[in-house]
Each structure stands twice: as C-alpha cells, then as structure tokens.
C-alpha cells in the first residue's frame, strides 16, 4: 500500500514547473488528466471574448496525457515535462482523499481523486478534482492490460455517478480508509 506524504500543492503553476516529475515522486501533486481527448476536470468555458475567438485560454493547468502508447506530462505552458511508455507501468492505484472536512460542505466537493502510478523507476502521485477521472482511468488501464488496485472500492460506488456516490463516500470514508494507509482527516 502506498503512503505518500500528506502535503498537497494547491497551485497548478507550482505543479507544472520543471521539477513537477520529482515532486510527483514525493507527494501528491494536482494535475488535470487528458484521456483519449477527454479532459478531467472539464475545462471552464472561456469568458474573455477575444480569447474565445483566438482559441486561447486564460486558465492553464499541468496535464497528464494518457495516449495508447505513452503517458506525457505537460506544463501549463504546454512544455513537455517528460514521457513514459505504457509498458513501463507496473500498476495503477486509484483512490480518494478528503480535501475538506467541514460538516456543511457539499460532499461532492469534499474529496479529490488520487492516482498512484507504480513503475520500476519510482512511484508517481497525482490528484484530480474530478472524481469521474477514476472510472476513465480504470477503463483505460483495463484496455491496455495495466493492473489497477482499488483499495477503497470506488469503481462500484462510482458506477451510479459521482453526484449519488459522494454522500455514501462521505458517510463511509472512515471505515473505507481504516487499514489502507490513506489519511482519514483532511489533507
């Protein structure tokens, strides 16, 4: 079971700089994911009309792109930070961490998806604000014969959709993480 450090970088600009790969080996780093053309979370609509016409975006994020042959890490400035062949991946573990522990918060916003990638060269720890990325990664990994661990049993729970599953996860999170190494409190 993985036991990453609990600290999380909240600024995507920090996560996207040239040492993002080194940071992703030491602690959970937020990245957007792009899986076969679908981005998680879905990009916000551009409000600046000039940028809309030109096709550029105000918000830029670091991205993990999963292609049929490799994994590519992109900086917010669209610089290639590194690539890894899919054949180098030994295992992917999917999970969730409690982001906010406030009782009054909407349970859909209380968690972040975690994606831990295990290779011979080291482990990489990613977070994503869209829980719908987990079934997409599970499907992608299954298609490419990459083993997936789901210690919190999220895939069956997410089949009903995140809006319905969030309340159940919020109520049962303490029992789910009890012997997994995931932190029970917010990070």
N, C-alpha and C. Protein backbone atom coordinates (compact mmCIF):
# COMPACT_ATOMS: atom_id res chain seq x y z
N UNK A 1 0.84 -1.18 0.00
CA UNK A 1 0.00 0.00 0.00
C UNK A 1 0.88 1.23 0.00
N UNK A 2 0.46 2.25 -0.69
CA UNK A 2 1.22 3.47 -0.81
C UNK A 2 1.00 4.36 0.39
N UNK A 3 2.03 5.07 0.80
CA UNK A 3 1.92 6.02 1.89
C UNK A 3 2.63 7.30 1.49
N UNK A 4 2.01 8.09 0.60
CA UNK A 4 2.64 9.35 0.21
C UNK A 4 2.55 10.35 1.34
N UNK A 5 3.40 11.38 1.26
CA UNK A 5 3.30 12.46 2.22
C UNK A 5 1.94 13.12 2.05
N UNK A 6 1.41 13.70 3.11
CA UNK A 6 0.07 14.27 3.06
C UNK A 6 0.04 15.66 2.44
N UNK A 7 1.18 16.31 2.27
CA UNK A 7 1.14 17.67 1.73
C UNK A 7 0.73 17.63 0.26
N UNK A 8 -0.04 18.63 -0.13
CA UNK A 8 -0.53 18.72 -1.49
C UNK A 8 -0.28 20.12 -2.00
N UNK A 9 0.22 20.24 -3.22
CA UNK A 9 0.41 21.55 -3.81
C UNK A 9 -0.91 22.00 -4.37
N UNK A 10 -1.41 23.15 -3.92
CA UNK A 10 -2.71 23.63 -4.39
C UNK A 10 -2.58 24.51 -5.62
N UNK A 11 -1.40 24.93 -5.96
CA UNK A 11 -1.21 25.83 -7.08
C UNK A 11 -0.74 25.03 -8.29
N UNK A 12 -1.56 25.02 -9.35
CA UNK A 12 -1.20 24.27 -10.55
C UNK A 12 0.06 24.81 -11.20
N UNK A 13 0.34 26.10 -11.03
CA UNK A 13 1.55 26.66 -11.62
C UNK A 13 2.78 26.05 -10.95
N UNK A 14 2.72 25.82 -9.64
CA UNK A 14 3.84 25.16 -8.96
C UNK A 14 3.98 23.73 -9.47
N UNK A 15 2.84 23.03 -9.58
CA UNK A 15 2.88 21.64 -10.01
C UNK A 15 3.43 21.52 -11.43
N UNK A 16 3.26 22.54 -12.25
CA UNK A 16 3.65 22.44 -13.63
C UNK A 16 5.05 22.87 -13.95
N UNK A 17 5.81 23.33 -12.97
CA UNK A 17 7.14 23.79 -13.33
C UNK A 17 8.09 22.62 -13.58
N UNK A 18 9.31 22.92 -13.91
CA UNK A 18 10.22 21.91 -14.44
C UNK A 18 10.54 20.77 -13.49
N UNK A 19 10.27 20.92 -12.19
CA UNK A 19 10.54 19.82 -11.26
C UNK A 19 9.28 19.06 -10.89
N UNK A 20 8.23 19.17 -11.69
CA UNK A 20 6.96 18.52 -11.36
C UNK A 20 7.11 17.01 -11.24
N UNK A 21 7.92 16.41 -12.08
CA UNK A 21 8.08 14.96 -12.02
C UNK A 21 8.73 14.56 -10.71
N UNK A 22 9.76 15.29 -10.27
CA UNK A 22 10.40 14.98 -9.00
C UNK A 22 9.42 15.15 -7.84
N UNK A 23 8.61 16.20 -7.89
CA UNK A 23 7.62 16.42 -6.84
C UNK A 23 6.57 15.32 -6.82
N UNK A 24 6.16 14.86 -7.99
CA UNK A 24 5.14 13.81 -8.08
C UNK A 24 5.65 12.48 -7.53
N UNK A 25 6.97 12.33 -7.40
CA UNK A 25 7.53 11.12 -6.81
C UNK A 25 7.53 11.19 -5.28
N UNK A 26 7.38 12.39 -4.72
CA UNK A 26 7.50 12.57 -3.27
C UNK A 26 6.18 12.85 -2.58
N UNK A 27 5.26 13.49 -3.26
CA UNK A 27 3.98 13.83 -2.63
C UNK A 27 2.90 13.95 -3.71
N UNK A 28 1.66 14.07 -3.29
CA UNK A 28 0.55 14.14 -4.23
C UNK A 28 0.50 15.52 -4.87
N UNK A 29 0.53 15.54 -6.21
CA UNK A 29 0.56 16.79 -6.96
C UNK A 29 -0.69 16.87 -7.83
N UNK A 30 -1.41 18.00 -7.80
CA UNK A 30 -2.61 18.11 -8.65
C UNK A 30 -2.25 18.31 -10.12
N UNK A 31 -2.86 17.50 -10.95
CA UNK A 31 -2.72 17.59 -12.40
C UNK A 31 -4.09 17.37 -13.02
N UNK A 32 -4.36 18.02 -14.13
CA UNK A 32 -5.51 17.66 -14.93
C UNK A 32 -5.12 16.39 -15.70
N UNK A 33 -6.08 15.60 -16.10
CA UNK A 33 -5.83 14.40 -16.89
C UNK A 33 -6.53 14.54 -18.22
N UNK A 34 -5.86 14.09 -19.27
CA UNK A 34 -6.48 14.01 -20.58
C UNK A 34 -6.38 12.57 -21.04
N UNK A 35 -7.55 11.95 -21.20
CA UNK A 35 -7.60 10.54 -21.59
C UNK A 35 -8.36 10.45 -22.89
N UNK A 36 -7.65 10.11 -23.95
CA UNK A 36 -8.20 9.98 -25.29
C UNK A 36 -9.08 11.17 -25.66
N UNK A 37 -8.55 12.38 -25.46
CA UNK A 37 -9.21 13.59 -25.87
C UNK A 37 -10.17 14.21 -24.85
N UNK A 38 -10.52 13.48 -23.80
CA UNK A 38 -11.42 13.99 -22.76
C UNK A 38 -10.58 14.51 -21.59
N UNK A 39 -10.82 15.77 -21.18
CA UNK A 39 -10.05 16.35 -20.09
C UNK A 39 -10.83 16.28 -18.78
N UNK A 40 -10.13 15.94 -17.71
CA UNK A 40 -10.69 15.85 -16.35
C UNK A 40 -9.89 16.76 -15.44
N UNK A 41 -10.50 17.72 -14.75
CA UNK A 41 -11.88 18.15 -14.93
C UNK A 41 -12.04 18.86 -16.26
N UNK A 42 -13.27 18.93 -16.68
CA UNK A 42 -13.58 19.59 -17.95
C UNK A 42 -13.17 21.06 -17.85
N UNK A 43 -12.50 21.59 -18.84
CA UNK A 43 -12.06 22.99 -18.77
C UNK A 43 -13.24 23.94 -18.67
N UNK A 44 -13.06 25.00 -17.88
CA UNK A 44 -14.10 26.02 -17.75
C UNK A 44 -14.22 26.77 -19.07
N UNK A 45 -15.42 27.22 -19.36
CA UNK A 45 -15.63 27.99 -20.59
C UNK A 45 -14.90 29.33 -20.47
N UNK A 46 -14.25 29.70 -21.54
CA UNK A 46 -13.51 30.97 -21.57
C UNK A 46 -14.51 32.12 -21.59
N UNK A 47 -14.34 33.08 -20.69
CA UNK A 47 -15.25 34.22 -20.61
C UNK A 47 -14.75 35.42 -21.41
N UNK A 48 -13.47 35.50 -21.67
CA UNK A 48 -12.92 36.60 -22.44
C UNK A 48 -13.22 36.36 -23.92
N UNK A 49 -13.99 37.25 -24.54
CA UNK A 49 -14.43 37.03 -25.92
C UNK A 49 -13.27 37.02 -26.91
N UNK A 50 -12.22 37.81 -26.63
CA UNK A 50 -11.07 37.83 -27.54
C UNK A 50 -10.33 36.50 -27.49
N UNK A 51 -10.18 35.97 -26.29
CA UNK A 51 -9.53 34.66 -26.17
C UNK A 51 -10.38 33.56 -26.80
N UNK A 52 -11.69 33.65 -26.66
CA UNK A 52 -12.58 32.67 -27.29
C UNK A 52 -12.40 32.67 -28.80
N UNK A 53 -12.33 33.86 -29.39
CA UNK A 53 -12.14 33.96 -30.84
C UNK A 53 -10.79 33.42 -31.29
N UNK A 54 -9.76 33.67 -30.48
CA UNK A 54 -8.41 33.23 -30.85
C UNK A 54 -8.14 31.78 -30.49
N UNK A 55 -9.01 31.18 -29.66
CA UNK A 55 -8.82 29.78 -29.28
C UNK A 55 -7.85 29.57 -28.14
N UNK A 56 -7.47 30.65 -27.45
CA UNK A 56 -6.57 30.52 -26.30
C UNK A 56 -7.38 30.54 -25.01
N UNK A 57 -6.74 30.19 -23.90
CA UNK A 57 -7.43 30.11 -22.61
C UNK A 57 -6.69 30.92 -21.57
N UNK A 58 -7.45 31.51 -20.66
CA UNK A 58 -6.86 32.26 -19.54
C UNK A 58 -6.24 31.32 -18.52
N UNK A 59 -7.01 30.28 -18.17
CA UNK A 59 -6.53 29.32 -17.17
C UNK A 59 -5.71 28.24 -17.86
N UNK A 60 -4.54 27.99 -17.30
CA UNK A 60 -3.69 26.94 -17.84
C UNK A 60 -3.35 25.98 -16.70
N UNK A 61 -3.28 24.70 -17.02
CA UNK A 61 -3.05 23.68 -16.00
C UNK A 61 -1.99 22.69 -16.47
N UNK A 62 -1.32 22.09 -15.51
CA UNK A 62 -0.44 20.98 -15.81
C UNK A 62 -1.33 19.78 -16.15
N UNK A 63 -0.93 19.00 -17.14
CA UNK A 63 -1.77 17.91 -17.64
C UNK A 63 -0.98 16.61 -17.73
N UNK A 64 -1.62 15.52 -17.32
CA UNK A 64 -1.12 14.17 -17.57
C UNK A 64 -1.95 13.65 -18.74
N UNK A 65 -1.30 13.41 -19.87
CA UNK A 65 -2.00 12.92 -21.06
C UNK A 65 -1.74 11.42 -21.20
N UNK A 66 -2.83 10.65 -21.26
CA UNK A 66 -2.72 9.21 -21.48
C UNK A 66 -3.05 8.92 -22.93
N UNK A 67 -2.08 8.38 -23.65
CA UNK A 67 -2.27 8.03 -25.05
C UNK A 67 -2.20 6.51 -25.17
N UNK A 68 -2.54 5.94 -26.31
CA UNK A 68 -2.48 4.48 -26.45
C UNK A 68 -1.09 3.87 -26.26
N UNK A 69 -0.03 4.68 -26.32
CA UNK A 69 1.31 4.12 -26.19
C UNK A 69 2.13 4.69 -25.04
N UNK A 70 1.78 5.88 -24.55
CA UNK A 70 2.62 6.50 -23.52
C UNK A 70 1.84 7.46 -22.64
N UNK A 71 2.50 7.89 -21.57
CA UNK A 71 2.00 8.91 -20.66
C UNK A 71 2.90 10.12 -20.84
N UNK A 72 2.29 11.29 -21.06
CA UNK A 72 3.06 12.52 -21.26
C UNK A 72 2.62 13.54 -20.21
N UNK A 73 3.59 14.15 -19.55
CA UNK A 73 3.31 15.23 -18.60
C UNK A 73 3.57 16.56 -19.29
N UNK A 74 2.57 17.46 -19.24
CA UNK A 74 2.66 18.77 -19.87
C UNK A 74 2.62 19.85 -18.83
N UNK A 75 3.43 20.88 -18.98
CA UNK A 75 3.40 22.02 -18.08
C UNK A 75 2.23 22.91 -18.48
N UNK A 76 1.84 23.87 -17.63
CA UNK A 76 0.77 24.80 -18.01
C UNK A 76 1.11 25.59 -19.27
N UNK A 77 2.39 25.73 -19.56
CA UNK A 77 2.82 26.46 -20.76
C UNK A 77 2.95 25.53 -21.96
N UNK A 78 2.44 24.31 -21.85
CA UNK A 78 2.48 23.31 -22.92
C UNK A 78 3.88 22.82 -23.25
N UNK A 79 4.78 22.84 -22.27
CA UNK A 79 6.11 22.23 -22.45
C UNK A 79 6.03 20.77 -22.02
N UNK A 80 6.67 19.92 -22.79
CA UNK A 80 6.72 18.51 -22.46
C UNK A 80 7.68 18.32 -21.28
N UNK A 81 7.13 17.88 -20.12
CA UNK A 81 7.94 17.68 -18.93
C UNK A 81 8.55 16.28 -18.86
N UNK A 82 7.99 15.37 -19.60
CA UNK A 82 8.51 14.01 -19.59
C UNK A 82 7.51 13.03 -20.17
N UNK A 83 8.02 11.89 -20.60
CA UNK A 83 7.20 10.85 -21.19
C UNK A 83 7.57 9.51 -20.59
N UNK A 84 6.61 8.61 -20.58
CA UNK A 84 6.83 7.26 -20.09
C UNK A 84 6.01 6.31 -20.96
N UNK A 85 6.60 5.23 -21.39
CA UNK A 85 5.87 4.25 -22.18
C UNK A 85 4.88 3.52 -21.27
N UNK A 86 3.71 3.17 -21.79
CA UNK A 86 2.73 2.43 -21.00
C UNK A 86 3.29 1.10 -20.52
N UNK A 87 4.20 0.52 -21.28
CA UNK A 87 4.80 -0.76 -20.89
C UNK A 87 5.64 -0.65 -19.62
N UNK A 88 6.04 0.56 -19.24
CA UNK A 88 6.83 0.76 -18.03
C UNK A 88 5.97 0.77 -16.77
N UNK A 89 4.66 0.90 -16.92
CA UNK A 89 3.77 0.97 -15.76
C UNK A 89 3.48 -0.43 -15.27
N UNK A 90 3.78 -0.67 -13.99
CA UNK A 90 3.51 -1.97 -13.38
C UNK A 90 2.12 -2.04 -12.79
N UNK A 91 1.63 -0.89 -12.29
CA UNK A 91 0.37 -0.90 -11.55
C UNK A 91 -0.13 0.53 -11.41
N UNK A 92 -1.44 0.70 -11.39
CA UNK A 92 -2.06 1.99 -11.07
C UNK A 92 -2.99 1.74 -9.88
N UNK A 93 -2.88 2.59 -8.88
CA UNK A 93 -3.81 2.51 -7.76
C UNK A 93 -4.67 3.77 -7.77
N UNK A 94 -5.98 3.58 -7.69
CA UNK A 94 -6.90 4.70 -7.65
C UNK A 94 -7.50 4.80 -6.25
N UNK A 95 -7.79 6.02 -5.83
CA UNK A 95 -8.36 6.21 -4.50
C UNK A 95 -8.94 7.61 -4.36
N UNK A 96 -9.14 8.01 -3.12
CA UNK A 96 -9.69 9.34 -2.82
C UNK A 96 -9.13 9.82 -1.50
N UNK A 97 -8.91 11.12 -1.42
CA UNK A 97 -8.50 11.73 -0.16
C UNK A 97 -9.51 12.81 0.18
N UNK A 98 -9.70 12.99 1.48
CA UNK A 98 -10.62 14.02 1.94
C UNK A 98 -9.92 15.36 1.83
N UNK A 99 -10.49 16.25 1.06
CA UNK A 99 -9.91 17.56 0.80
C UNK A 99 -10.40 18.58 1.80
N UNK A 100 -11.70 18.53 2.09
CA UNK A 100 -12.33 19.42 3.07
C UNK A 100 -13.09 18.54 4.05
N UNK A 101 -12.98 18.84 5.32
CA UNK A 101 -13.66 18.02 6.33
C UNK A 101 -14.83 18.74 6.98
N UNK A 102 -15.18 19.91 6.50
CA UNK A 102 -16.27 20.67 7.10
C UNK A 102 -17.59 19.92 6.95
N UNK A 103 -18.37 19.91 8.02
CA UNK A 103 -19.63 19.18 8.01
C UNK A 103 -20.63 19.78 7.02
N UNK A 104 -20.62 21.09 6.84
CA UNK A 104 -21.61 21.75 6.00
C UNK A 104 -21.29 21.76 4.52
N UNK A 105 -20.13 21.29 4.12
CA UNK A 105 -19.76 21.36 2.70
C UNK A 105 -20.46 20.27 1.90
N UNK A 106 -20.76 20.56 0.66
CA UNK A 106 -21.35 19.59 -0.24
C UNK A 106 -20.37 18.43 -0.39
N UNK A 107 -20.80 17.19 -0.12
CA UNK A 107 -19.87 16.04 -0.19
C UNK A 107 -19.18 15.88 -1.54
N UNK A 108 -19.80 16.39 -2.61
CA UNK A 108 -19.18 16.27 -3.94
C UNK A 108 -17.88 17.05 -4.03
N UNK A 109 -17.72 18.07 -3.18
CA UNK A 109 -16.52 18.90 -3.22
C UNK A 109 -15.55 18.57 -2.09
N UNK A 110 -15.84 17.56 -1.31
CA UNK A 110 -15.02 17.23 -0.15
C UNK A 110 -13.86 16.29 -0.48
N UNK A 111 -13.83 15.71 -1.67
CA UNK A 111 -12.81 14.70 -1.99
C UNK A 111 -12.07 15.05 -3.28
N UNK A 112 -10.86 14.50 -3.39
CA UNK A 112 -10.07 14.57 -4.61
C UNK A 112 -9.69 13.15 -4.99
N UNK A 113 -9.75 12.87 -6.28
CA UNK A 113 -9.32 11.57 -6.79
C UNK A 113 -7.81 11.48 -6.68
N UNK A 114 -7.31 10.31 -6.32
CA UNK A 114 -5.87 10.09 -6.30
C UNK A 114 -5.53 8.99 -7.30
N UNK A 115 -4.43 9.19 -7.99
CA UNK A 115 -3.95 8.25 -8.97
C UNK A 115 -2.48 8.02 -8.67
N UNK A 116 -2.13 6.80 -8.26
CA UNK A 116 -0.75 6.46 -7.95
C UNK A 116 -0.25 5.51 -9.04
N UNK A 117 0.82 5.90 -9.71
CA UNK A 117 1.38 5.13 -10.80
C UNK A 117 2.69 4.50 -10.33
N UNK A 118 2.77 3.17 -10.42
CA UNK A 118 3.94 2.43 -9.96
C UNK A 118 4.75 1.96 -11.17
N UNK A 119 6.04 2.31 -11.16
CA UNK A 119 6.96 1.85 -12.21
C UNK A 119 8.23 1.35 -11.53
N UNK A 120 9.10 0.73 -12.30
CA UNK A 120 10.39 0.32 -11.75
C UNK A 120 11.25 1.53 -11.39
N UNK A 121 11.05 2.63 -12.10
CA UNK A 121 11.83 3.85 -11.86
C UNK A 121 11.36 4.62 -10.63
N UNK A 122 10.17 4.32 -10.13
CA UNK A 122 9.63 5.02 -8.97
C UNK A 122 8.12 5.13 -9.05
N UNK A 123 7.54 5.68 -8.00
CA UNK A 123 6.09 5.87 -7.94
C UNK A 123 5.77 7.34 -8.18
N UNK A 124 4.61 7.59 -8.77
CA UNK A 124 4.16 8.95 -9.05
C UNK A 124 2.78 9.12 -8.43
N UNK A 125 2.58 10.26 -7.76
CA UNK A 125 1.34 10.50 -7.02
C UNK A 125 0.63 11.73 -7.58
N UNK A 126 -0.59 11.53 -8.09
CA UNK A 126 -1.35 12.62 -8.69
C UNK A 126 -2.70 12.76 -8.00
N UNK A 127 -3.22 13.99 -7.99
CA UNK A 127 -4.57 14.27 -7.50
C UNK A 127 -5.34 14.95 -8.62
N UNK A 128 -6.66 14.78 -8.61
CA UNK A 128 -7.51 15.41 -9.61
C UNK A 128 -8.82 15.77 -8.94
N UNK A 129 -9.36 16.93 -9.25
CA UNK A 129 -10.58 17.39 -8.60
C UNK A 129 -11.85 16.76 -9.16
N UNK A 130 -11.75 16.02 -10.24
CA UNK A 130 -12.92 15.40 -10.87
C UNK A 130 -12.90 13.90 -10.60
N UNK A 131 -13.80 13.43 -9.75
CA UNK A 131 -13.83 12.00 -9.41
C UNK A 131 -14.19 11.13 -10.61
N UNK A 132 -14.80 11.70 -11.64
CA UNK A 132 -15.13 10.93 -12.83
C UNK A 132 -13.89 10.47 -13.58
N UNK A 133 -12.72 10.98 -13.21
CA UNK A 133 -11.49 10.53 -13.85
C UNK A 133 -11.18 9.07 -13.46
N UNK A 134 -11.63 8.63 -12.29
CA UNK A 134 -11.29 7.29 -11.83
C UNK A 134 -11.87 6.19 -12.72
N UNK A 135 -13.17 6.22 -13.05
CA UNK A 135 -13.66 5.19 -13.99
C UNK A 135 -12.99 5.28 -15.36
N UNK A 136 -12.65 6.50 -15.80
CA UNK A 136 -11.97 6.65 -17.10
C UNK A 136 -10.58 6.02 -17.06
N UNK A 137 -9.86 6.22 -15.96
CA UNK A 137 -8.53 5.60 -15.82
C UNK A 137 -8.66 4.09 -15.71
N UNK A 138 -9.64 3.63 -14.95
CA UNK A 138 -9.87 2.19 -14.82
C UNK A 138 -10.12 1.56 -16.19
N UNK A 139 -10.98 2.19 -16.98
CA UNK A 139 -11.29 1.68 -18.32
C UNK A 139 -10.06 1.72 -19.22
N UNK A 140 -9.31 2.83 -19.18
CA UNK A 140 -8.09 2.96 -19.98
C UNK A 140 -7.08 1.88 -19.60
N UNK A 141 -6.86 1.69 -18.31
CA UNK A 141 -5.90 0.69 -17.84
C UNK A 141 -6.33 -0.72 -18.24
N UNK A 142 -7.62 -1.00 -18.10
CA UNK A 142 -8.13 -2.32 -18.48
C UNK A 142 -7.92 -2.57 -19.97
N UNK A 143 -8.17 -1.55 -20.79
CA UNK A 143 -7.98 -1.67 -22.24
C UNK A 143 -6.53 -1.96 -22.59
N UNK A 144 -5.59 -1.41 -21.82
CA UNK A 144 -4.16 -1.56 -22.12
C UNK A 144 -3.47 -2.56 -21.19
N UNK A 145 -4.24 -3.42 -20.55
CA UNK A 145 -3.73 -4.51 -19.70
C UNK A 145 -2.80 -4.03 -18.60
N UNK A 146 -3.15 -2.91 -17.96
CA UNK A 146 -2.40 -2.40 -16.82
C UNK A 146 -3.20 -2.75 -15.56
N UNK A 147 -2.59 -3.47 -14.61
CA UNK A 147 -3.31 -3.82 -13.38
C UNK A 147 -3.72 -2.56 -12.60
N UNK A 148 -4.92 -2.60 -12.02
CA UNK A 148 -5.45 -1.48 -11.24
C UNK A 148 -5.85 -1.98 -9.85
N UNK A 149 -5.38 -1.27 -8.84
CA UNK A 149 -5.82 -1.54 -7.46
C UNK A 149 -6.85 -0.49 -7.09
N UNK A 150 -7.88 -0.92 -6.39
CA UNK A 150 -8.93 -0.02 -5.91
C UNK A 150 -9.22 -0.37 -4.45
N UNK A 151 -8.30 -0.01 -3.53
CA UNK A 151 -8.46 -0.43 -2.14
C UNK A 151 -9.68 0.16 -1.43
N UNK A 152 -10.21 1.28 -1.93
CA UNK A 152 -11.39 1.89 -1.31
C UNK A 152 -12.69 1.43 -1.99
N UNK A 153 -12.57 0.55 -2.99
CA UNK A 153 -13.73 0.02 -3.72
C UNK A 153 -14.59 1.14 -4.29
N UNK A 154 -13.92 2.07 -4.98
CA UNK A 154 -14.61 3.24 -5.53
C UNK A 154 -15.29 2.97 -6.87
N UNK A 155 -14.76 2.07 -7.67
CA UNK A 155 -15.32 1.85 -9.00
C UNK A 155 -16.78 1.38 -8.92
N UNK A 156 -17.11 0.39 -8.09
CA UNK A 156 -18.54 0.02 -7.99
C UNK A 156 -19.40 1.18 -7.46
N UNK A 157 -18.85 1.95 -6.55
CA UNK A 157 -19.57 3.08 -5.99
C UNK A 157 -19.80 4.17 -7.04
N UNK A 158 -18.80 4.43 -7.88
CA UNK A 158 -18.89 5.48 -8.89
C UNK A 158 -19.74 5.10 -10.10
N UNK A 159 -20.12 3.83 -10.22
CA UNK A 159 -20.96 3.42 -11.34
C UNK A 159 -22.32 4.10 -11.31
N UNK A 160 -22.75 4.51 -10.13
CA UNK A 160 -24.04 5.22 -10.02
C UNK A 160 -23.88 6.70 -10.29
N UNK A 161 -22.66 7.16 -10.49
CA UNK A 161 -22.38 8.58 -10.74
C UNK A 161 -21.90 9.27 -9.48
N UNK A 162 -21.03 10.25 -9.67
CA UNK A 162 -20.40 10.94 -8.54
C UNK A 162 -21.41 11.69 -7.69
N UNK A 163 -22.42 12.26 -8.28
CA UNK A 163 -23.40 13.03 -7.52
C UNK A 163 -24.10 12.15 -6.49
N UNK A 164 -24.39 10.91 -6.83
CA UNK A 164 -25.06 9.99 -5.91
C UNK A 164 -24.03 9.36 -4.95
N UNK A 165 -22.86 9.00 -5.48
CA UNK A 165 -21.85 8.30 -4.69
C UNK A 165 -21.19 9.18 -3.63
N UNK A 166 -21.18 10.49 -3.83
CA UNK A 166 -20.47 11.40 -2.92
C UNK A 166 -20.99 11.30 -1.49
N UNK A 167 -22.27 11.25 -1.33
CA UNK A 167 -22.85 11.17 0.02
C UNK A 167 -22.46 9.86 0.70
N UNK A 168 -22.52 8.75 -0.03
CA UNK A 168 -22.14 7.46 0.53
C UNK A 168 -20.67 7.46 0.92
N UNK A 169 -19.81 7.98 0.06
CA UNK A 169 -18.38 8.04 0.37
C UNK A 169 -18.12 8.92 1.59
N UNK A 170 -18.82 10.04 1.66
CA UNK A 170 -18.66 10.94 2.80
C UNK A 170 -19.03 10.25 4.11
N UNK A 171 -20.08 9.44 4.10
CA UNK A 171 -20.55 8.76 5.31
C UNK A 171 -19.69 7.56 5.68
N UNK A 172 -19.07 6.90 4.71
CA UNK A 172 -18.34 5.66 4.98
C UNK A 172 -16.82 5.79 4.84
N UNK A 173 -16.33 6.99 4.60
CA UNK A 173 -14.90 7.18 4.32
C UNK A 173 -14.02 6.66 5.47
N UNK A 174 -14.42 6.92 6.70
CA UNK A 174 -13.63 6.48 7.86
C UNK A 174 -13.44 4.96 7.84
N UNK A 175 -14.49 4.20 7.55
CA UNK A 175 -14.38 2.74 7.52
C UNK A 175 -13.57 2.27 6.30
N UNK A 176 -13.71 2.96 5.18
CA UNK A 176 -13.01 2.55 3.97
C UNK A 176 -11.49 2.70 4.09
N UNK A 177 -11.02 3.76 4.75
CA UNK A 177 -9.58 4.02 4.81
C UNK A 177 -8.91 3.40 6.02
N UNK A 178 -9.67 2.74 6.86
CA UNK A 178 -9.16 2.26 8.14
C UNK A 178 -7.83 1.51 8.06
N UNK A 179 -7.66 0.60 7.11
CA UNK A 179 -6.42 -0.19 7.04
C UNK A 179 -5.71 -0.03 5.70
N UNK A 180 -5.85 1.15 5.07
CA UNK A 180 -5.30 1.30 3.72
C UNK A 180 -4.08 2.20 3.63
N UNK A 181 -3.82 3.02 4.64
CA UNK A 181 -2.73 3.98 4.57
C UNK A 181 -3.18 5.36 4.10
N UNK A 182 -4.43 5.47 3.65
CA UNK A 182 -4.96 6.77 3.26
C UNK A 182 -5.28 7.57 4.52
N UNK A 183 -5.05 8.88 4.51
CA UNK A 183 -5.36 9.68 5.70
C UNK A 183 -6.87 9.81 5.90
N UNK A 184 -7.31 9.71 7.16
CA UNK A 184 -8.72 9.83 7.47
C UNK A 184 -9.14 11.30 7.57
N UNK A 185 -8.22 12.12 8.02
CA UNK A 185 -8.54 13.54 8.16
C UNK A 185 -8.29 14.25 6.84
N UNK A 186 -8.70 15.50 6.76
CA UNK A 186 -8.46 16.26 5.52
C UNK A 186 -6.98 16.53 5.38
N UNK A 187 -6.54 16.69 4.13
CA UNK A 187 -5.12 16.97 3.86
C UNK A 187 -4.97 18.38 3.33
